[in-house]
PDB file of N, CA and C in Angstrom:
ATOM      1  N   MET A   1     -11.942   6.586 -15.248  1.00  0.00           N
ATOM      2  CA  MET A   1     -11.865   5.605 -16.112  1.00  0.00           C
ATOM      3  C   MET A   1     -13.033   4.900 -15.232  1.00  0.00           C
ATOM      4  N   LEU A   2     -13.725   3.298 -15.610  1.00  0.00           N
ATOM      5  CA  LEU A   2     -14.609   2.901 -15.712  1.00  0.00           C
ATOM      6  C   LEU A   2     -14.310   1.975 -14.029  1.00  0.00           C
ATOM      7  N   PRO A   3     -15.578   2.359 -13.249  1.00  0.00           N
ATOM      8  CA  PRO A   3     -14.870   1.432 -11.930  1.00  0.00           C
ATOM      9  C   PRO A   3     -14.461   0.480 -11.979  1.00  0.00           C
ATOM     10  N   VAL A   4     -14.918  -0.675 -13.222  1.00  0.00           N
ATOM     11  CA  VAL A   4     -14.722  -1.749 -13.281  1.00  0.00           C
ATOM     12  C   VAL A   4     -13.119  -1.827 -13.611  1.00  0.00           C
ATOM     13  N   ILE A   5     -12.630  -1.362 -14.796  1.00  0.00           N
ATOM     14  CA  ILE A   5     -11.448  -1.209 -15.377  1.00  0.00           C
ATOM     15  C   ILE A   5     -10.885  -0.831 -14.347  1.00  0.00           C
ATOM     16  N   PHE A   6     -10.830   0.295 -13.456  1.00  0.00           N
ATOM     17  CA  PHE A   6      -9.836   0.253 -12.691  1.00  0.00           C
ATOM     18  C   PHE A   6      -9.634  -0.320 -11.540  1.00  0.00           C
ATOM     19  N   ASN A   7     -10.920  -1.151 -10.988  1.00  0.00           N
ATOM     20  CA  ASN A   7     -11.145  -2.414 -10.758  1.00  0.00           C
ATOM     21  C   ASN A   7      -9.779  -3.431 -10.851  1.00  0.00           C
ATOM     22  N   VAL A   8      -9.736  -4.405 -11.743  1.00  0.00           N
ATOM     23  CA  VAL A   8      -9.573  -4.867 -12.702  1.00  0.00           C
ATOM     24  C   VAL A   8      -7.388  -3.797 -12.881  1.00  0.00           C
ATOM     25  N   ILE A   9      -7.723  -3.366 -12.880  1.00  0.00           N
ATOM     26  CA  ILE A   9      -5.787  -2.796 -12.396  1.00  0.00           C
ATOM     27  C   ILE A   9      -5.941  -2.951 -10.953  1.00  0.00           C
ATOM     28  N   VAL A  10      -6.053  -2.023  -9.884  1.00  0.00           N
ATOM     29  CA  VAL A  10      -5.337  -1.743  -8.459  1.00  0.00           C
ATOM     30  C   VAL A  10      -5.533  -3.861  -8.416  1.00  0.00           C
ATOM     31  N   ASP A  11      -6.318  -4.957  -8.419  1.00  0.00           N
ATOM     32  CA  ASP A  11      -6.622  -6.055  -8.472  1.00  0.00           C
ATOM     33  C   ASP A  11      -4.567  -6.372  -9.122  1.00  0.00           C
ATOM     34  N   ALA A  12      -4.787  -5.969 -10.135  1.00  0.00           N
ATOM     35  CA  ALA A  12      -3.724  -6.324 -10.941  1.00  0.00           C
ATOM     36  C   ALA A  12      -2.351  -6.015 -10.416  1.00  0.00           C
ATOM     37  N   VAL A  13      -2.339  -4.635  -9.590  1.00  0.00           N
ATOM     38  CA  VAL A  13      -1.359  -4.115  -8.916  1.00  0.00           C
ATOM     39  C   VAL A  13      -0.828  -4.811  -7.392  1.00  0.00           C
ATOM     40  N   ILE A  14      -2.077  -5.189  -7.206  1.00  0.00           N
ATOM     41  CA  ILE A  14      -2.069  -5.886  -5.443  1.00  0.00           C
ATOM     42  C   ILE A  14      -0.882  -7.094  -5.645  1.00  0.00           C
ATOM     43  N   ARG A  15      -1.420  -7.781  -7.278  1.00  0.00           N
ATOM     44  CA  ARG A  15      -1.257  -8.940  -7.593  1.00  0.00           C
ATOM     45  C   ARG A  15       0.604  -8.778  -7.435  1.00  0.00           C
ATOM     46  N   HIS A  16       0.613  -8.017  -7.941  1.00  0.00           N
ATOM     47  CA  HIS A  16       2.275  -7.886  -8.259  1.00  0.00           C
ATOM     48  C   HIS A  16       2.728  -7.511  -7.017  1.00  0.00           C
ATOM     49  N   TRP A  17       2.299  -6.886  -6.336  1.00  0.00           N
ATOM     50  CA  TRP A  17       3.096  -5.792  -4.986  1.00  0.00           C
ATOM     51  C   TRP A  17       2.889  -8.553  -3.924  1.00  0.00           C
ATOM     52  N   ARG A  18       1.988  -8.929  -3.733  1.00  0.00           N
ATOM     53  CA  ARG A  18       2.303 -10.531  -4.002  1.00  0.00           C
ATOM     54  C   ARG A  18       2.275 -10.915  -3.951  1.00  0.00           C
ATOM     55  N   ASN A  19       3.114 -10.766  -5.404  1.00  0.00           N
ATOM     56  CA  ASN A  19       4.409 -12.210  -5.527  1.00  0.00           C
ATOM     57  C   ASN A  19       5.538 -11.799  -5.507  1.00  0.00           C
ATOM     58  N   THR A  20       5.864 -10.028  -5.382  1.00  0.00           N
ATOM     59  CA  THR A  20       7.387  -9.547  -5.032  1.00  0.00           C
ATOM     60  C   THR A  20       7.753 -10.895  -4.139  1.00  0.00           C
ATOM     61  N   ASP A  21       6.926 -10.467  -3.151  1.00  0.00           N
ATOM     62  CA  ASP A  21       7.979 -10.833  -2.250  1.00  0.00           C
ATOM     63  C   ASP A  21       8.859 -10.825  -1.072  1.00  0.00           C
ATOM     64  N   SER A  22      10.413 -10.495  -1.823  1.00  0.00           N
ATOM     65  CA  SER A  22      11.316 -10.273  -1.360  1.00  0.00           C
ATOM     66  C   SER A  22      11.429  -9.985  -0.017  1.00  0.00           C
ATOM     67  N   THR A  23      10.943  -8.973   0.779  1.00  0.00           N
ATOM     68  CA  THR A  23      10.747  -9.160   1.433  1.00  0.00           C
ATOM     69  C   THR A  23       9.839  -9.482   3.250  1.00  0.00           C
ATOM     70  N   GLY A  24       9.053 -10.437   2.384  1.00  0.00           N
ATOM     71  CA  GLY A  24       7.565 -10.644   3.165  1.00  0.00           C
ATOM     72  C   GLY A  24       6.975  -9.923   3.736  1.00  0.00           C
ATOM     73  N   PHE A  25       6.754  -9.323   2.556  1.00  0.00           N
ATOM     74  CA  PHE A  25       4.955  -8.894   2.271  1.00  0.00           C
ATOM     75  C   PHE A  25       3.935  -9.597   2.718  1.00  0.00           C
ATOM     76  N   ASP A  26       3.897 -10.565   2.860  1.00  0.00           N
ATOM     77  CA  ASP A  26       2.503 -11.535   3.410  1.00  0.00           C
ATOM     78  C   ASP A  26       2.093 -10.663   5.193  1.00  0.00           C
ATOM     79  N   LEU A  27       3.379  -9.916   5.589  1.00  0.00           N
ATOM     80  CA  LEU A  27       3.788  -9.479   7.277  1.00  0.00           C
ATOM     81  C   LEU A  27       2.600  -8.123   6.868  1.00  0.00           C
ATOM     82  N   GLU A  28       2.781  -7.287   5.677  1.00  0.00           N
ATOM     83  CA  GLU A  28       1.702  -6.339   4.903  1.00  0.00           C
ATOM     84  C   GLU A  28      -0.462  -6.708   5.579  1.00  0.00           C
ATOM     85  N   THR A  29      -1.490  -5.724   5.698  1.00  0.00           N
ATOM     86  CA  THR A  29      -2.592  -5.714   5.154  1.00  0.00           C
ATOM     87  C   THR A  29      -2.335  -5.036   4.051  1.00  0.00           C
ATOM     88  N   LEU A  30      -3.212  -4.896   2.998  1.00  0.00           N
ATOM     89  CA  LEU A  30      -3.267  -3.460   2.419  1.00  0.00           C
ATOM     90  C   LEU A  30      -5.329  -3.535   1.864  1.00  0.00           C
ATOM     91  N   LEU A  31      -5.436  -3.061   1.747  1.00  0.00           N
ATOM     92  CA  LEU A  31      -6.653  -3.168   1.544  1.00  0.00           C
ATOM     93  C   LEU A  31      -7.122  -1.918   1.025  1.00  0.00           C
ATOM     94  N   PHE A  32      -7.852  -1.790  -0.672  1.00  0.00           N
ATOM     95  CA  PHE A  32      -8.187  -0.965  -1.116  1.00  0.00           C
ATOM     96  C   PHE A  32     -10.084  -0.718  -1.105  1.00  0.00           C
ATOM     97  N   TYR A  33     -11.277   0.085  -0.693  1.00  0.00           N
ATOM     98  CA  TYR A  33     -12.226   0.313  -0.887  1.00  0.00           C
ATOM     99  C   TYR A  33     -12.386   1.012  -1.987  1.00  0.00           C
ATOM    100  N   ALA A  34     -12.480   1.282  -3.315  1.00  0.00           N
ATOM    101  CA  ALA A  34     -13.484   2.433  -4.515  1.00  0.00           C
ATOM    102  C   ALA A  34     -11.140   3.054  -4.847  1.00  0.00           C
ATOM    103  N   ASP A  35     -10.823   3.317  -4.557  1.00  0.00           N
ATOM    104  CA  ASP A  35      -9.584   4.142  -4.930  1.00  0.00           C
ATOM    105  C   ASP A  35      -8.894   5.214  -3.314  1.00  0.00           C
ATOM    106  N   ASP A  36      -9.090   4.021  -1.945  1.00  0.00           N
ATOM    107  CA  ASP A  36      -8.200   4.344  -1.168  1.00  0.00           C
ATOM    108  C   ASP A  36      -8.272   3.688  -0.926  1.00  0.00           C
ATOM    109  N   GLY A  37      -7.240   3.517  -0.279  1.00  0.00           N
ATOM    110  CA  GLY A  37      -6.196   2.009   0.182  1.00  0.00           C
ATOM    111  C   GLY A  37      -5.813   1.981   1.924  1.00  0.00           C
ATOM    112  N   LEU A  38      -5.417   1.205   2.579  1.00  0.00           N
ATOM    113  CA  LEU A  38      -4.925   1.188   3.236  1.00  0.00           C
ATOM    114  C   LEU A  38      -3.756   0.258   3.227  1.00  0.00           C
ATOM    115  N   LEU A  39      -3.130   0.226   4.001  1.00  0.00           N
ATOM    116  CA  LEU A  39      -1.609  -1.171   3.886  1.00  0.00           C
ATOM    117  C   LEU A  39      -0.601  -0.381   5.463  1.00  0.00           C
ATOM    118  N   VAL A  40      -1.333  -2.080   6.107  1.00  0.00           N
ATOM    119  CA  VAL A  40      -0.974  -1.534   7.977  1.00  0.00           C
ATOM    120  C   VAL A  40       0.072  -2.767   7.222  1.00  0.00           C
ATOM    121  N   GLY A  41       0.845  -2.681   9.083  1.00  0.00           N
ATOM    122  CA  GLY A  41       2.328  -3.753   8.730  1.00  0.00           C
ATOM    123  C   GLY A  41       2.871  -3.100  10.383  1.00  0.00           C
ATOM    124  N   THR A  42       3.345  -4.402  10.972  1.00  0.00           N
ATOM    125  CA  THR A  42       4.828  -3.911  11.586  1.00  0.00           C
ATOM    126  C   THR A  42       5.890  -3.550  12.140  1.00  0.00           C
ATOM    127  N   ASP A  43       6.065  -3.087  10.585  1.00  0.00           N
ATOM    128  CA  ASP A  43       7.842  -2.844  10.554  1.00  0.00           C
ATOM    129  C   ASP A  43       7.925  -2.109   9.530  1.00  0.00           C
ATOM    130  N   ALA A  44       7.700  -0.560   9.859  1.00  0.00           N
ATOM    131  CA  ALA A  44       7.505   0.441   9.014  1.00  0.00           C
ATOM    132  C   ALA A  44       8.398   1.263   7.954  1.00  0.00           C
ATOM    133  N   GLN A  45       9.825   0.159   7.982  1.00  0.00           N
ATOM    134  CA  GLN A  45      11.065   0.099   6.657  1.00  0.00           C
ATOM    135  C   GLN A  45       9.864  -0.957   5.444  1.00  0.00           C
ATOM    136  N   ARG A  46       9.697  -1.774   5.931  1.00  0.00           N
ATOM    137  CA  ARG A  46       8.361  -3.542   5.732  1.00  0.00           C
ATOM    138  C   ARG A  46       7.515  -2.800   4.597  1.00  0.00           C
ATOM    139  N   VAL A  47       6.781  -1.626   5.852  1.00  0.00           N
ATOM    140  CA  VAL A  47       5.567  -1.000   4.633  1.00  0.00           C
ATOM    141  C   VAL A  47       6.341   0.160   4.162  1.00  0.00           C
ATOM    142  N   GLN A  48       7.464   1.128   3.875  1.00  0.00           N
ATOM    143  CA  GLN A  48       8.311   1.847   2.772  1.00  0.00           C
ATOM    144  C   GLN A  48       8.115   0.648   2.052  1.00  0.00           C
ATOM    145  N   GLU A  49       8.954  -0.682   2.590  1.00  0.00           N
ATOM    146  CA  GLU A  49       9.022  -1.161   1.040  1.00  0.00           C
ATOM    147  C   GLU A  49       8.026  -1.259   0.656  1.00  0.00           C
ATOM    148  N   SER A  50       6.596  -1.903   0.716  1.00  0.00           N
ATOM    149  CA  SER A  50       5.989  -2.672  -0.075  1.00  0.00           C
ATOM    150  C   SER A  50       5.211  -1.225  -0.802  1.00  0.00           C
ATOM    151  N   LEU A  51       4.435   0.307  -0.015  1.00  0.00           N
ATOM    152  CA  LEU A  51       4.306   1.042  -0.021  1.00  0.00           C
ATOM    153  C   LEU A  51       5.385   1.489  -2.214  1.00  0.00           C
ATOM    154  N   ASP A  52       6.376   1.192  -1.533  1.00  0.00           N
ATOM    155  CA  ASP A  52       7.135   1.793  -2.613  1.00  0.00           C
ATOM    156  C   ASP A  52       7.414   0.591  -4.355  1.00  0.00           C
ATOM    157  N   VAL A  53       6.742  -0.592  -3.752  1.00  0.00           N
ATOM    158  CA  VAL A  53       6.311  -1.330  -5.557  1.00  0.00           C
ATOM    159  C   VAL A  53       5.135  -1.274  -5.504  1.00  0.00           C
ATOM    160  N   ILE A  54       4.339  -1.245  -3.996  1.00  0.00           N
ATOM    161  CA  ILE A  54       2.368  -0.391  -4.970  1.00  0.00           C
ATOM    162  C   ILE A  54       3.134   0.585  -6.281  1.00  0.00           C
ATOM    163  N   THR A  55       3.230   0.970  -5.773  1.00  0.00           N
ATOM    164  CA  THR A  55       3.953   2.800  -6.338  1.00  0.00           C
ATOM    165  C   THR A  55       4.108   2.550  -7.253  1.00  0.00           C
ATOM    166  N   LYS A  56       5.204   1.839  -7.505  1.00  0.00           N
ATOM    167  CA  LYS A  56       6.050   1.774  -9.010  1.00  0.00           C
ATOM    168  C   LYS A  56       4.562   1.002  -9.881  1.00  0.00           C
ATOM    169  N   GLY A  57       4.098  -0.058  -8.735  1.00  0.00           N
ATOM    170  CA  GLY A  57       3.001  -0.498  -9.855  1.00  0.00           C
ATOM    171  C   GLY A  57       2.763   0.442 -10.320  1.00  0.00           C
ATOM    172  N   PHE A  58       1.726   1.277  -9.829  1.00  0.00           N
ATOM    173  CA  PHE A  58      -0.160   1.892 -10.599  1.00  0.00           C
ATOM    174  C   PHE A  58       1.167   2.819 -11.200  1.00  0.00           C
ATOM    175  N   LEU A  59       2.504   3.456 -11.623  1.00  0.00           N
ATOM    176  CA  LEU A  59       2.958   3.923 -12.377  1.00  0.00           C
ATOM    177  C   LEU A  59       3.308   3.792 -13.398  1.00  0.00           C
ATOM    178  N   LEU A  60       3.226   1.810 -13.495  1.00  0.00           N
ATOM    179  CA  LEU A  60       3.569   0.990 -14.795  1.00  0.00           C
ATOM    180  C   LEU A  60       2.210   1.514 -15.569  1.00  0.00           C
ATOM    181  N   VAL A  61       1.484   0.973 -15.022  1.00  0.00           N
ATOM    182  CA  VAL A  61      -0.138   0.554 -15.852  1.00  0.00           C
ATOM    183  C   VAL A  61      -0.999   2.572 -15.285  1.00  0.00           C
ATOM    184  N   GLY A  62       0.127   3.996 -15.875  1.00  0.00           N
ATOM    185  CA  GLY A  62      -0.647   4.932 -16.027  1.00  0.00           C
ATOM    186  C   GLY A  62      -0.801   5.888 -14.963  1.00  0.00           C
ATOM    187  N   LEU A  63      -1.378   5.467 -13.506  1.00  0.00           N
ATOM    188  CA  LEU A  63      -1.678   6.122 -12.591  1.00  0.00           C
ATOM    189  C   LEU A  63      -0.478   6.262 -11.454  1.00  0.00           C
ATOM    190  N   ARG A  64      -1.339   7.790 -10.682  1.00  0.00           N
ATOM    191  CA  ARG A  64      -0.229   7.712  -9.716  1.00  0.00           C
ATOM    192  C   ARG A  64      -0.361   8.522  -8.538  1.00  0.00           C
ATOM    193  N   MET A  65       0.363   7.987  -6.849  1.00  0.00           N
ATOM    194  CA  MET A  65      -0.474   8.192  -5.390  1.00  0.00           C
ATOM    195  C   MET A  65      -0.720   9.589  -5.478  1.00  0.00           C
ATOM    196  N   ASN A  66      -1.036  10.299  -4.905  1.00  0.00           N
ATOM    197  CA  ASN A  66      -1.389  11.795  -4.938  1.00  0.00           C
ATOM    198  C   ASN A  66      -0.884  11.421  -3.676  1.00  0.00           C
ATOM    199  N   ALA A  67       0.230  13.042  -3.567  1.00  0.00           N
ATOM    200  CA  ALA A  67       0.817  12.319  -1.784  1.00  0.00           C
ATOM    201  C   ALA A  67       0.513  13.889  -1.227  1.00  0.00           C
ATOM    202  N   THR A  68      -0.540  14.580  -1.732  1.00  0.00           N
ATOM    203  CA  THR A  68      -0.864  15.077  -0.262  1.00  0.00           C
ATOM    204  C   THR A  68      -2.437  14.763  -0.518  1.00  0.00           C
ATOM    205  N   LYS A  69      -2.004  13.663  -1.322  1.00  0.00           N
ATOM    206  CA  LYS A  69      -3.609  13.025  -0.096  1.00  0.00           C
ATOM    207  C   LYS A  69      -3.132  12.150   0.747  1.00  0.00           C
ATOM    208  N   THR A  70      -2.034  11.472   1.270  1.00  0.00           N
ATOM    209  CA  THR A  70      -1.362  11.007   0.885  1.00  0.00           C
ATOM    210  C   THR A  70      -1.395  10.818   3.007  1.00  0.00           C
ATOM    211  N   GLU A  71      -1.910  10.217   3.577  1.00  0.00           N
ATOM    212  CA  GLU A  71      -1.397  10.344   5.206  1.00  0.00           C
ATOM    213  C   GLU A  71      -0.892   8.896   5.813  1.00  0.00           C
ATOM    214  N   TYR A  72      -0.901   8.390   6.814  1.00  0.00           N
ATOM    215  CA  TYR A  72      -0.088   7.779   7.884  1.00  0.00           C
ATOM    216  C   TYR A  72       0.668   8.193   8.528  1.00  0.00           C
ATOM    217  N   ASP A  73       0.293   6.691  10.159  1.00  0.00           N
ATOM    218  CA  ASP A  73       0.053   6.599  11.717  1.00  0.00           C
ATOM    219  C   ASP A  73       1.023   6.145  12.083  1.00  0.00           C
ATOM    220  N   HIS A  74       1.566   6.063  12.932  1.00  0.00           N
ATOM    221  CA  HIS A  74       2.640   5.827  13.483  1.00  0.00           C
ATOM    222  C   HIS A  74       2.746   5.242  14.944  1.00  0.00           C
ATOM    223  N   GLY A  75       2.672   4.410  15.577  1.00  0.00           N
ATOM    224  CA  GLY A  75       2.996   4.178  16.823  1.00  0.00           C
ATOM    225  C   GLY A  75       3.141   3.210  17.359  1.00  0.00           C
ATOM    226  N   ARG A  76       3.520   2.732  18.521  1.00  0.00           N
ATOM    227  CA  ARG A  76       3.267   0.972  19.435  1.00  0.00           C
ATOM    228  C   ARG A  76       2.477   0.608  19.803  1.00  0.00           C
ATOM    229  N   GLY A  77       1.782  -0.686  19.643  1.00  0.00           N
ATOM    230  CA  GLY A  77       0.387  -1.269  20.325  1.00  0.00           C
ATOM    231  C   GLY A  77       1.156  -1.419  21.612  1.00  0.00           C
ATOM    232  N   LYS A  78      -0.244  -2.268  21.790  1.00  0.00           N
ATOM    233  CA  LYS A  78      -0.253  -3.367  22.798  1.00  0.00           C
ATOM    234  C   LYS A  78       0.594  -4.346  23.140  1.00  0.00           C
ATOM    235  N   MET A  79       0.687  -5.076  21.792  1.00  0.00           N
ATOM    236  CA  MET A  79       1.905  -6.139  21.618  1.00  0.00           C
ATOM    237  C   MET A  79       2.759  -5.759  20.660  1.00  0.00           C
ATOM    238  N   GLY A  80       3.439  -4.074  20.749  1.00  0.00           N
ATOM    239  CA  GLY A  80       4.242  -4.309  20.148  1.00  0.00           C
ATOM    240  C   GLY A  80       4.511  -3.788  19.211  1.00  0.00           C
ATOM    241  N   CYS A  81       2.804  -3.595  18.317  1.00  0.00           N
ATOM    242  CA  CYS A  81       3.159  -3.292  16.688  1.00  0.00           C
ATOM    243  C   CYS A  81       3.427  -1.716  17.025  1.00  0.00           C
ATOM    244  N   GLU A  82       4.555  -0.336  16.518  1.00  0.00           N
ATOM    245  CA  GLU A  82       4.536   0.451  15.455  1.00  0.00           C
ATOM    246  C   GLU A  82       3.187   0.777  14.858  1.00  0.00           C
ATOM    247  N   PHE A  83       2.998   1.951  15.135  1.00  0.00           N
ATOM    248  CA  PHE A  83       1.608   2.577  14.071  1.00  0.00           C
ATOM    249  C   PHE A  83       2.817   4.667  13.462  1.00  0.00           C
ATOM    250  N   VAL A  84       2.655   4.846  12.716  1.00  0.00           N
ATOM    251  CA  VAL A  84       3.008   5.859  12.202  1.00  0.00           C
ATOM    252  C   VAL A  84       1.473   6.623  12.056  1.00  0.00           C
ATOM    253  N   GLN A  85       1.933   8.039  12.855  1.00  0.00           N
ATOM    254  CA  GLN A  85       0.471   8.908  12.436  1.00  0.00           C
ATOM    255  C   GLN A  85       1.888  10.516  11.672  1.00  0.00           C
ATOM    256  N   GLY A  86       0.424  10.892  10.847  1.00  0.00           N
ATOM    257  CA  GLY A  86       0.663  12.374   9.748  1.00  0.00           C
ATOM    258  C   GLY A  86       0.256  12.273   9.085  1.00  0.00           C
ATOM    259  N   SER A  87       0.860  12.982   7.602  1.00  0.00           N
ATOM    260  CA  SER A  87       0.717  13.446   5.826  1.00  0.00           C
ATOM    261  C   SER A  87       1.873  13.565   5.378  1.00  0.00           C
ATOM    262  N   LEU A  88       1.634  12.620   4.357  1.00  0.00           N
ATOM    263  CA  LEU A  88       3.448  13.440   3.363  1.00  0.00           C
ATOM    264  C   LEU A  88       2.595  14.370   2.669  1.00  0.00           C
TER     265      LEU A  88
END
C-alpha cells in the first residue's frame, strides 16, 4: 500500500475514533508514526475501549492490527496515572 494512501486511511480511523467519544476519548492520546501507533490514557478500561474502536475502524477498511507485535505498559506514576507493561 502506498504510504500516502495508508496515511489517509489512518487519519480516517483516528477521526472515527475521535467522533465516537461515547466514553470521553478526549482523555486518551493517540499518536501514529508510519505504521506504529501509541495509545496513552489514565484509565485501563477506557484505553481498552479506545483500542477496540480503533481496531474495528481498521477492520472496516480492510486492515488488521498484528496482535503478536502489540505491546502494552501499565504502572502508576507520581500523578496517580496508571501504566501497564507487557505484550499481547
